[in-house]
Amino acid sequence: MGTVPLVLAGGAMFGAAGVLIGQAVGGVIFAGVAALMVRRMMDGKTEATVPEEPFDRQARLMSLMHRRR
C-alpha cells in the first residue's frame, strides 16, 4: 500500500507531475504518522511490557537457528 494510491491518483489527475506530487504527499503523511508513533513511544504512553527472563532472547535465537553448542 504505502504511497502507491496517492501516486496513482496524482498521476491520473495531473500526469507526470502528479506522480511526483503524490509521492511527496504520501511521504509527508507517512513521516507524520511515524513521528507520532515515535513521540508516543518516547513519552512512555504505550502499555507496559512483560518483563523478560534474562536469557529469553538467546533461547529464542537458539530455537530458531537450531544451533546447539
Protein backbone atom coordinates (compact mmCIF):
# COMPACT_ATOMS: atom_id res chain seq x y z
CA MET A 1 0.00 0.00 0.00
CA GLY A 2 2.12 2.93 1.17
CA THR A 3 2.28 5.88 -1.19
CA VAL A 4 1.05 3.97 -4.25
CA PRO A 5 -2.60 5.13 -4.05
CA LEU A 6 -1.52 8.76 -3.87
CA VAL A 7 0.91 8.27 -6.75
CA LEU A 8 -1.81 6.67 -8.88
CA ALA A 9 -4.33 9.39 -8.02
CA GLY A 10 -1.82 12.15 -8.71
CA GLY A 11 -0.79 10.55 -11.97
CA ALA A 12 -4.40 10.19 -13.09
CA MET A 13 -5.22 13.81 -12.30
CA PHE A 14 -2.03 15.69 -13.21
CA GLY A 15 0.12 13.34 -15.27
CA ALA A 16 3.85 13.01 -14.64
CA ALA A 17 3.95 15.98 -12.27
CA GLY A 18 1.10 14.41 -10.27
CA VAL A 19 3.15 11.27 -9.75
CA LEU A 20 5.88 13.32 -8.10
CA ILE A 21 3.35 15.29 -6.06
CA GLY A 22 1.59 12.10 -4.94
CA GLN A 23 4.88 10.55 -3.88
CA ALA A 24 5.82 13.65 -1.90
CA VAL A 25 2.41 13.94 -0.19
CA GLY A 26 2.46 10.24 0.67
CA GLY A 27 5.94 10.58 2.14
CA VAL A 28 4.85 13.52 4.28
CA ILE A 29 1.82 11.61 5.56
CA PHE A 30 3.83 8.54 6.49
CA ALA A 31 6.57 10.65 8.07
CA GLY A 32 3.94 12.37 10.21
CA VAL A 33 2.48 9.04 11.32
CA ALA A 34 5.98 7.75 12.12
CA ALA A 35 6.76 10.90 14.12
CA LEU A 36 3.57 10.49 16.15
CA MET A 37 4.38 6.86 16.86
CA VAL A 38 7.93 7.70 17.92
CA ARG A 39 6.71 10.53 20.15
CA ARG A 40 4.20 8.20 21.79
CA MET A 41 6.86 5.57 22.38
CA MET A 42 9.37 8.06 23.77
CA ASP A 43 6.79 9.60 26.10
CA GLY A 44 6.06 6.16 27.53
CA LYS A 45 2.35 6.20 26.71
CA THR A 46 2.42 2.64 25.44
CA GLU A 47 1.34 -0.30 27.52
CA ALA A 48 3.88 -1.78 29.89
CA THR A 49 5.64 -4.85 28.56
CA VAL A 50 6.02 -8.07 30.47
CA PRO A 51 9.49 -8.35 31.99
CA GLU A 52 11.62 -10.92 30.22
CA GLU A 53 13.69 -13.64 31.75
CA PRO A 54 17.43 -12.97 31.48
CA PHE A 55 18.06 -15.43 28.63
CA ASP A 56 14.75 -15.37 26.71
CA ARG A 57 16.27 -13.72 23.66
CA GLN A 58 19.14 -16.19 23.46
CA ALA A 59 16.79 -19.15 23.93
CA ARG A 60 14.59 -17.89 21.10
CA LEU A 61 17.57 -17.46 18.79
CA MET A 62 18.83 -20.95 19.64
CA SER A 63 15.44 -22.46 18.88
CA LEU A 64 15.15 -20.54 15.60
CA MET A 65 18.64 -21.35 14.34
CA HIS A 66 18.81 -24.92 15.76
CA ARG A 67 22.32 -24.28 16.90
CA ARG A 68 23.42 -26.24 19.92
CA ARG A 69 26.87 -25.76 21.31
